[in-house]
Amino acid sequence: MCLLKICRTLKKGEQALDFSPSFFTSLVFDHVEKIKSVSQTLMWINGVDDDDYLSITNEEAIYERHGGTYKEDHRISGANHNDVPAIMGYQYYIEKVLIFISK
């Protein structure tokens, strides 16, 4: 079974293997709550089609609750969790990051 299929299955709360997801980790991290304490500036680059790893609703909740004074988001249509730079174009992606860093 491929790793992506296992991850999708575990996301749904099902068991793809004969052991619980806690076999990998027992770490519980509430990103929506933790982001409230982050005061650094935030550049959020998000693949709009990212439904395999994190739901867009959860990602938007994290972005909205950022505790800092400055944040910007870039929602990339057609991109998922892992291919944002490829979909944006690597040069454009690097330029956006460099502009953000120089602010």
C-alpha atoms as a PDB file:
ATOM      1  CA  MET A   1       0.000   0.000   0.000  1.00  0.00           C
ATOM      2  CA  CYS A   2       1.487   3.389  -0.930  1.00  0.00           C
ATOM      3  CA  LEU A   3       2.228   5.923   1.777  1.00  0.00           C
ATOM      4  CA  LEU A   4      -0.234   8.507   0.394  1.00  0.00           C
ATOM      5  CA  LYS A   5      -3.067   5.983   0.521  1.00  0.00           C
ATOM      6  CA  ILE A   6      -2.134   5.075   4.100  1.00  0.00           C
ATOM      7  CA  CYS A   7      -2.123   8.758   5.090  1.00  0.00           C
ATOM      8  CA  ARG A   8      -5.522   9.340   3.475  1.00  0.00           C
ATOM      9  CA  THR A   9      -6.914   6.329   5.281  1.00  0.00           C
ATOM     10  CA  LEU A  10      -5.487   7.402   8.640  1.00  0.00           C
ATOM     11  CA  LYS A  11      -6.890  10.906   8.086  1.00  0.00           C
ATOM     12  CA  LYS A  12     -10.345   9.365   7.814  1.00  0.00           C
ATOM     13  CA  GLY A  13      -9.775   7.607  11.129  1.00  0.00           C
ATOM     14  CA  GLU A  14      -9.658   4.180   9.556  1.00  0.00           C
ATOM     15  CA  GLN A  15      -6.909   1.650   9.950  1.00  0.00           C
ATOM     16  CA  ALA A  16      -4.937   0.765   6.842  1.00  0.00           C
ATOM     17  CA  LEU A  17      -2.550  -1.384   8.845  1.00  0.00           C
ATOM     18  CA  ASP A  18      -2.976  -3.599  11.868  1.00  0.00           C
ATOM     19  CA  PHE A  19      -1.879  -0.949  14.355  1.00  0.00           C
ATOM     20  CA  SER A  20      -3.175   2.379  15.554  1.00  0.00           C
ATOM     21  CA  PRO A  21      -1.913   5.757  14.263  1.00  0.00           C
ATOM     22  CA  SER A  22      -0.512   6.317  17.765  1.00  0.00           C
ATOM     23  CA  PHE A  23       2.147   3.743  16.828  1.00  0.00           C
ATOM     24  CA  PHE A  24       3.794   6.534  14.808  1.00  0.00           C
ATOM     25  CA  THR A  25       3.285   9.268  17.377  1.00  0.00           C
ATOM     26  CA  SER A  26       1.215  10.209  20.354  1.00  0.00           C
ATOM     27  CA  LEU A  27       1.902  13.881  19.738  1.00  0.00           C
ATOM     28  CA  VAL A  28      -1.211  16.015  19.871  1.00  0.00           C
ATOM     29  CA  PHE A  29      -0.712  19.541  18.591  1.00  0.00           C
ATOM     30  CA  ASP A  30      -3.645  21.918  18.316  1.00  0.00           C
ATOM     31  CA  HIS A  31      -2.419  24.226  15.548  1.00  0.00           C
ATOM     32  CA  VAL A  32      -5.539  26.416  15.738  1.00  0.00           C
ATOM     33  CA  GLU A  33      -4.818  27.245  19.390  1.00  0.00           C
ATOM     34  CA  LYS A  34      -1.014  27.361  19.150  1.00  0.00           C
ATOM     35  CA  ILE A  35      -0.992  29.945  16.334  1.00  0.00           C
ATOM     36  CA  LYS A  36      -2.611  32.479  18.685  1.00  0.00           C
ATOM     37  CA  SER A  37       0.681  32.717  20.584  1.00  0.00           C
ATOM     38  CA  VAL A  38       2.820  33.319  17.476  1.00  0.00           C
ATOM     39  CA  SER A  39       3.785  36.990  17.268  1.00  0.00           C
ATOM     40  CA  GLN A  40       6.193  36.796  14.325  1.00  0.00           C
ATOM     41  CA  THR A  41       5.040  37.903  10.892  1.00  0.00           C
ATOM     42  CA  LEU A  42       3.420  35.148   8.874  1.00  0.00           C
ATOM     43  CA  MET A  43       3.533  34.357   5.182  1.00  0.00           C
ATOM     44  CA  TRP A  44       0.889  31.748   4.464  1.00  0.00           C
ATOM     45  CA  ILE A  45       1.246  29.994   1.116  1.00  0.00           C
ATOM     46  CA  ASN A  46      -1.564  27.530   0.726  1.00  0.00           C
ATOM     47  CA  GLY A  47      -2.563  25.090  -1.997  1.00  0.00           C
ATOM     48  CA  VAL A  48      -6.313  25.525  -2.501  1.00  0.00           C
ATOM     49  CA  ASP A  49      -6.700  21.912  -3.612  1.00  0.00           C
ATOM     50  CA  ASP A  50      -5.018  20.569  -0.464  1.00  0.00           C
ATOM     51  CA  ASP A  51      -7.531  18.032   0.767  1.00  0.00           C
ATOM     52  CA  ASP A  52      -5.230  15.058   1.200  1.00  0.00           C
ATOM     53  CA  TYR A  53      -3.162  16.384   4.091  1.00  0.00           C
ATOM     54  CA  LEU A  54      -5.032  19.211   5.805  1.00  0.00           C
ATOM     55  CA  SER A  55      -8.517  20.494   5.172  1.00  0.00           C
ATOM     56  CA  ILE A  56      -8.758  24.025   3.798  1.00  0.00           C
ATOM     57  CA  THR A  57     -11.176  24.881   6.615  1.00  0.00           C
ATOM     58  CA  ASN A  58      -8.571  23.971   9.245  1.00  0.00           C
ATOM     59  CA  GLU A  59      -5.859  25.886   7.398  1.00  0.00           C
ATOM     60  CA  GLU A  60      -8.043  29.009   7.175  1.00  0.00           C
ATOM     61  CA  ALA A  61      -8.833  28.768  10.894  1.00  0.00           C
ATOM     62  CA  ILE A  62      -5.101  28.662  11.649  1.00  0.00           C
ATOM     63  CA  TYR A  63      -4.424  31.686   9.420  1.00  0.00           C
ATOM     64  CA  GLU A  64      -7.292  33.720  10.892  1.00  0.00           C
ATOM     65  CA  ARG A  65      -6.139  33.110  14.482  1.00  0.00           C
ATOM     66  CA  HIS A  66      -2.521  34.149  13.925  1.00  0.00           C
ATOM     67  CA  GLY A  67      -1.538  36.334  16.888  1.00  0.00           C
ATOM     68  CA  GLY A  68       0.965  38.577  15.115  1.00  0.00           C
ATOM     69  CA  THR A  69       0.504  42.077  13.774  1.00  0.00           C
ATOM     70  CA  TYR A  70       1.265  41.275  10.124  1.00  0.00           C
ATOM     71  CA  LYS A  71       0.327  38.359   7.942  1.00  0.00           C
ATOM     72  CA  GLU A  72      -0.253  37.769   4.262  1.00  0.00           C
ATOM     73  CA  ASP A  73      -1.707  34.832   2.441  1.00  0.00           C
ATOM     74  CA  HIS A  74      -1.221  33.418  -1.007  1.00  0.00           C
ATOM     75  CA  ARG A  75      -3.857  30.896  -2.053  1.00  0.00           C
ATOM     76  CA  ILE A  76      -2.649  28.894  -5.016  1.00  0.00           C
ATOM     77  CA  SER A  77      -5.353  27.367  -7.220  1.00  0.00           C
ATOM     78  CA  GLY A  78      -4.546  23.920  -8.532  1.00  0.00           C
ATOM     79  CA  ALA A  79      -1.918  23.280  -5.847  1.00  0.00           C
ATOM     80  CA  ASN A  80      -2.037  20.811  -2.985  1.00  0.00           C
ATOM     81  CA  HIS A  81       0.168  20.487   0.092  1.00  0.00           C
ATOM     82  CA  ASN A  82       3.381  19.486  -1.673  1.00  0.00           C
ATOM     83  CA  ASP A  83       3.405  21.165  -5.066  1.00  0.00           C
ATOM     84  CA  VAL A  84       2.847  24.872  -4.377  1.00  0.00           C
ATOM     85  CA  PRO A  85       6.240  26.016  -5.781  1.00  0.00           C
ATOM     86  CA  ALA A  86       5.801  23.922  -8.918  1.00  0.00           C
ATOM     87  CA  ILE A  87       2.290  25.232  -9.551  1.00  0.00           C
ATOM     88  CA  MET A  88       3.216  28.858  -8.764  1.00  0.00           C
ATOM     89  CA  GLY A  89       6.421  28.591 -10.733  1.00  0.00           C
ATOM     90  CA  TYR A  90       9.686  28.312  -8.811  1.00  0.00           C
ATOM     91  CA  GLN A  91      10.975  31.745  -9.780  1.00  0.00           C
ATOM     92  CA  TYR A  92       7.703  33.470  -8.791  1.00  0.00           C
ATOM     93  CA  TYR A  93       7.627  31.494  -5.529  1.00  0.00           C
ATOM     94  CA  ILE A  94      11.195  32.572  -4.650  1.00  0.00           C
ATOM     95  CA  GLU A  95      10.416  36.204  -5.536  1.00  0.00           C
ATOM     96  CA  LYS A  96       7.343  36.223  -3.251  1.00  0.00           C
ATOM     97  CA  VAL A  97       9.376  34.756  -0.371  1.00  0.00           C
ATOM     98  CA  LEU A  98      12.246  37.240  -0.866  1.00  0.00           C
ATOM     99  CA  ILE A  99       9.842  40.199  -0.989  1.00  0.00           C
ATOM    100  CA  PHE A 100       8.223  39.011   2.242  1.00  0.00           C
ATOM    101  CA  ILE A 101      11.581  38.541   3.977  1.00  0.00           C
ATOM    102  CA  SER A 102      12.739  42.013   2.963  1.00  0.00           C
ATOM    103  CA  LYS A 103       9.691  43.751   4.514  1.00  0.00           C
END
